[in-house]
């Protein structure tokens, strides 16, 4: 019987902390202001769940199956770093300390971010087995910056992951406009670049860059 790793326990404790802080806030204020964070955290978990399934099947799947599984994972991956932007909701509110709300939002944001980075590591470990180490690093960087672009689309343009099916034409037009006229959309590319660099550095610091070397 496999034992639960310390990282898994820590991640569960992060989830417990986030939900506990939210419940205490609701009980104390009688308001449901930040209940939406639970939905955002669930969306952030989806890429983690998908990548875990892929990683567990890594010895059974081939390249085609991996890339097919990558599509839904990449579609939901931006939901993990997106939760960082929920800090936009931080403002003084009557009846509770602003510091408490900061701690509450940060707990959800960090948990969601960990879901995203750990899901990326699962995909990284899988692809390095199927391809070269160089290809796996390209995949990681491309995923991070595509995910960062997805964060922009979600926060500023208010698109959801399922809008690729619900409103594909509208989404396609918005994306092509930004690619065709990048200087007209400095916020788009500024956030994409900044978020991409931030996530890349965090991934390296958490040891993700060593994944390719260990699996060679």
Protein backbone atom coordinates (compact mmCIF):
# COMPACT_ATOMS: atom_id res chain seq x y z
CA UNK A 1 0.00 0.00 0.00
CA UNK A 2 1.43 3.36 -1.07
CA UNK A 3 1.84 6.04 1.56
CA UNK A 4 0.65 9.59 0.99
CA UNK A 5 3.58 11.89 0.22
CA UNK A 6 4.40 14.93 2.30
CA UNK A 7 3.65 17.16 -0.71
CA UNK A 8 0.19 15.67 -1.08
CA UNK A 9 -0.52 16.19 2.62
CA UNK A 10 0.70 19.80 2.38
CA UNK A 11 -1.53 20.42 -0.63
CA UNK A 12 -4.54 18.98 1.22
CA UNK A 13 -3.74 21.21 4.18
CA UNK A 14 -3.63 24.23 1.86
CA UNK A 15 -7.10 23.31 0.62
CA UNK A 16 -8.33 22.84 4.18
CA UNK A 17 -6.88 26.20 5.23
CA UNK A 18 -8.52 28.00 2.31
CA UNK A 19 -11.96 26.50 2.88
CA UNK A 20 -11.72 26.99 6.66
CA UNK A 21 -10.87 30.68 6.28
CA UNK A 22 -13.82 31.10 3.93
CA UNK A 23 -16.25 29.32 6.25
CA UNK A 24 -15.09 31.41 9.22
CA UNK A 25 -15.59 34.58 7.19
CA UNK A 26 -19.13 33.57 6.23
CA UNK A 27 -19.99 32.70 9.83
CA UNK A 28 -18.49 35.92 11.18
CA UNK A 29 -19.94 38.36 8.63
CA UNK A 30 -23.02 36.49 7.42
CA UNK A 31 -21.92 37.40 3.88
CA UNK A 32 -21.03 35.16 0.95
CA UNK A 33 -18.69 37.66 -0.72
CA UNK A 34 -15.85 35.27 -1.54
CA UNK A 35 -17.71 32.00 -1.99
CA UNK A 36 -16.89 32.19 -5.71
CA UNK A 37 -13.30 31.31 -4.77
CA UNK A 38 -14.36 27.70 -4.18
CA UNK A 39 -15.52 27.44 -7.81
CA UNK A 40 -12.28 29.02 -9.04
CA UNK A 41 -10.32 26.55 -6.94
CA UNK A 42 -12.29 23.66 -8.41
CA UNK A 43 -11.49 24.90 -11.92
CA UNK A 44 -7.83 25.18 -10.92
CA UNK A 45 -7.90 21.55 -9.77
CA UNK A 46 -9.17 20.22 -13.13
CA UNK A 47 -5.73 20.37 -14.87
CA UNK A 48 -4.24 18.71 -11.79
CA UNK A 49 -6.73 15.86 -12.02
CA UNK A 50 -6.25 15.45 -15.78
CA UNK A 51 -2.47 15.49 -15.54
CA UNK A 52 -2.51 12.95 -12.71
CA UNK A 53 -4.50 10.54 -14.89
CA UNK A 54 -2.04 11.06 -17.75
CA UNK A 55 0.95 10.54 -15.45
CA UNK A 56 -0.47 7.36 -13.93
CA UNK A 57 -0.96 5.97 -17.47
CA UNK A 58 2.45 7.20 -18.70
CA UNK A 59 3.79 3.69 -19.30
CA UNK A 60 0.72 2.68 -21.30
CA UNK A 61 0.05 5.66 -23.57
CA UNK A 62 1.78 6.50 -26.84
CA UNK A 63 2.65 9.88 -28.31
CA UNK A 64 -0.65 10.34 -30.11
CA UNK A 65 -2.64 9.56 -26.99
CA UNK A 66 -0.53 11.97 -24.96
CA UNK A 67 -1.05 14.88 -27.34
CA UNK A 68 -4.76 14.12 -27.48
CA UNK A 69 -4.92 14.26 -23.68
CA UNK A 70 -2.92 17.51 -23.72
CA UNK A 71 -5.72 19.43 -25.44
CA UNK A 72 -8.24 19.38 -22.55
CA UNK A 73 -5.41 19.85 -20.04
CA UNK A 74 -4.13 22.95 -21.85
CA UNK A 75 -7.67 24.28 -22.13
CA UNK A 76 -8.12 24.22 -18.34
CA UNK A 77 -4.51 24.96 -17.33
CA UNK A 78 -4.99 28.79 -17.30
CA UNK A 79 -7.59 28.39 -14.55
CA UNK A 80 -4.80 27.61 -12.10
CA UNK A 81 -2.71 30.80 -12.43
CA UNK A 82 -5.91 32.79 -13.10
CA UNK A 83 -6.84 32.51 -9.45
CA UNK A 84 -3.91 34.84 -8.65
CA UNK A 85 -5.86 37.66 -10.27
CA UNK A 86 -8.61 37.29 -7.69
CA UNK A 87 -6.45 39.65 -5.64
CA UNK A 88 -8.20 42.33 -7.72
CA UNK A 89 -11.18 41.79 -5.42
CA UNK A 90 -9.24 42.92 -2.34
CA UNK A 91 -10.64 46.16 -0.91
CA UNK A 92 -11.73 47.50 2.48
CA UNK A 93 -15.06 46.00 3.52
CA UNK A 94 -17.09 46.77 6.64
CA UNK A 95 -17.20 44.25 9.44
CA UNK A 96 -13.90 42.47 8.78
CA UNK A 97 -10.20 43.28 8.57
CA UNK A 98 -8.69 43.78 5.13
CA UNK A 99 -5.77 41.65 6.31
CA UNK A 100 -8.10 38.70 6.84
CA UNK A 101 -9.43 39.02 3.29
CA UNK A 102 -5.85 39.23 2.00
CA UNK A 103 -4.96 36.02 3.82
CA UNK A 104 -8.13 34.36 2.52
CA UNK A 105 -7.54 35.26 -1.12
CA UNK A 106 -3.84 34.41 -0.93
CA UNK A 107 -4.59 30.97 0.51
CA UNK A 108 -6.87 30.17 -2.44
CA UNK A 109 -4.45 31.74 -4.93
CA UNK A 110 -1.43 29.80 -3.68
CA UNK A 111 -3.39 26.54 -3.60
CA UNK A 112 -4.61 27.07 -7.16
CA UNK A 113 -1.13 28.00 -8.33
CA UNK A 114 0.30 24.84 -6.75
CA UNK A 115 -2.34 22.79 -8.57
CA UNK A 116 -1.20 24.35 -11.83
CA UNK A 117 2.54 23.95 -11.33
CA UNK A 118 2.22 20.38 -10.09
CA UNK A 119 -0.02 19.51 -13.04
CA UNK A 120 2.63 20.96 -15.36
CA UNK A 121 5.24 18.80 -13.67
CA UNK A 122 3.10 15.70 -14.26
CA UNK A 123 2.84 16.54 -17.95
CA UNK A 124 6.56 17.32 -18.07
CA UNK A 125 7.44 13.93 -16.58
CA UNK A 126 5.22 12.18 -19.09
CA UNK A 127 6.41 13.97 -22.21
CA UNK A 128 10.09 13.53 -21.37
CA UNK A 129 9.48 9.79 -21.42
CA UNK A 130 7.85 9.97 -24.87
CA UNK A 131 10.12 12.57 -26.45
CA UNK A 132 13.48 14.20 -25.83
CA UNK A 133 14.34 16.35 -22.84
CA UNK A 134 14.60 19.35 -25.17
CA UNK A 135 11.05 18.78 -26.45
CA UNK A 136 9.77 18.55 -22.89
CA UNK A 137 11.27 21.94 -22.02
CA UNK A 138 9.71 23.51 -25.12
CA UNK A 139 6.39 22.04 -24.03
CA UNK A 140 6.74 23.53 -20.55
CA UNK A 141 7.60 27.03 -21.78
CA UNK A 142 4.87 26.99 -24.44
CA UNK A 143 2.30 25.78 -21.90
CA UNK A 144 3.25 28.49 -19.41
CA UNK A 145 2.99 31.35 -21.89
CA UNK A 146 -0.18 30.01 -23.52
CA UNK A 147 -1.61 29.66 -20.03
CA UNK A 148 -0.58 33.24 -19.22
CA UNK A 149 -2.36 34.43 -22.36
CA UNK A 150 -5.37 32.47 -21.20
CA UNK A 151 -5.25 34.32 -17.86
CA UNK A 152 -5.51 37.60 -19.76
CA UNK A 153 -8.46 36.34 -21.81
CA UNK A 154 -10.20 35.21 -18.64
CA UNK A 155 -9.61 38.28 -16.48
CA UNK A 156 -9.91 41.11 -19.00
CA UNK A 157 -12.02 39.65 -21.82
CA UNK A 158 -14.09 37.44 -19.46
CA UNK A 159 -13.73 34.25 -21.50
CA UNK A 160 -14.11 30.83 -19.87
CA UNK A 161 -12.46 27.55 -20.83
CA UNK A 162 -15.66 26.29 -22.42
CA UNK A 163 -16.01 29.37 -24.64
CA UNK A 164 -13.86 27.58 -27.19
CA UNK A 165 -17.03 25.53 -27.80
CA UNK A 166 -19.68 28.11 -26.87
CA UNK A 167 -18.28 31.15 -28.72
CA UNK A 168 -15.39 29.95 -30.94
CA UNK A 169 -15.80 32.63 -33.62
CA UNK A 170 -15.77 35.50 -31.13
CA UNK A 171 -12.76 34.02 -29.36
CA UNK A 172 -10.92 33.50 -32.66
CA UNK A 173 -11.50 37.12 -33.72
CA UNK A 174 -10.24 38.52 -30.41
CA UNK A 175 -7.10 36.38 -30.52
CA UNK A 176 -6.26 37.12 -34.17
CA UNK A 177 -6.71 40.86 -33.61
CA UNK A 178 -4.14 40.80 -30.83
CA UNK A 179 -1.72 38.76 -32.90
CA UNK A 180 -2.13 40.98 -35.95
CA UNK A 181 -1.85 44.28 -34.05
CA UNK A 182 0.30 43.59 -30.97
CA UNK A 183 1.20 47.25 -30.39
CA UNK A 184 -2.48 48.08 -29.96
CA UNK A 185 -2.80 45.59 -27.12
CA UNK A 186 0.04 46.34 -24.73
CA UNK A 187 -1.96 45.12 -21.71
CA UNK A 188 -2.48 41.76 -23.40
CA UNK A 189 1.18 41.11 -24.07
CA UNK A 190 2.43 42.84 -20.94
CA UNK A 191 0.37 40.58 -18.70
CA UNK A 192 1.20 37.51 -20.81
CA UNK A 193 4.93 38.19 -20.64
CA UNK A 194 4.95 39.16 -16.98
CA UNK A 195 2.82 36.23 -15.86
CA UNK A 196 4.83 33.88 -18.09
CA UNK A 197 8.15 34.93 -16.59
CA UNK A 198 6.73 34.69 -13.06
CA UNK A 199 5.36 31.18 -13.60
CA UNK A 200 8.57 30.03 -15.31
CA UNK A 201 10.70 31.18 -12.38
CA UNK A 202 8.33 29.58 -9.87
CA UNK A 203 8.40 26.32 -11.82
CA UNK A 204 12.19 26.33 -11.82
CA UNK A 205 12.34 27.15 -8.11
CA UNK A 206 10.01 24.28 -7.22
CA UNK A 207 12.35 21.89 -9.03
CA UNK A 208 10.34 21.42 -12.20
CA UNK A 209 13.37 22.07 -14.39
CA UNK A 210 15.05 18.99 -12.89
CA UNK A 211 12.24 16.72 -14.07
CA UNK A 212 13.63 16.33 -17.57
CA UNK A 213 17.08 15.43 -16.30
CA UNK A 214 15.84 12.85 -13.77
CA UNK A 215 13.78 11.05 -16.39
CA UNK A 216 16.37 10.87 -19.13
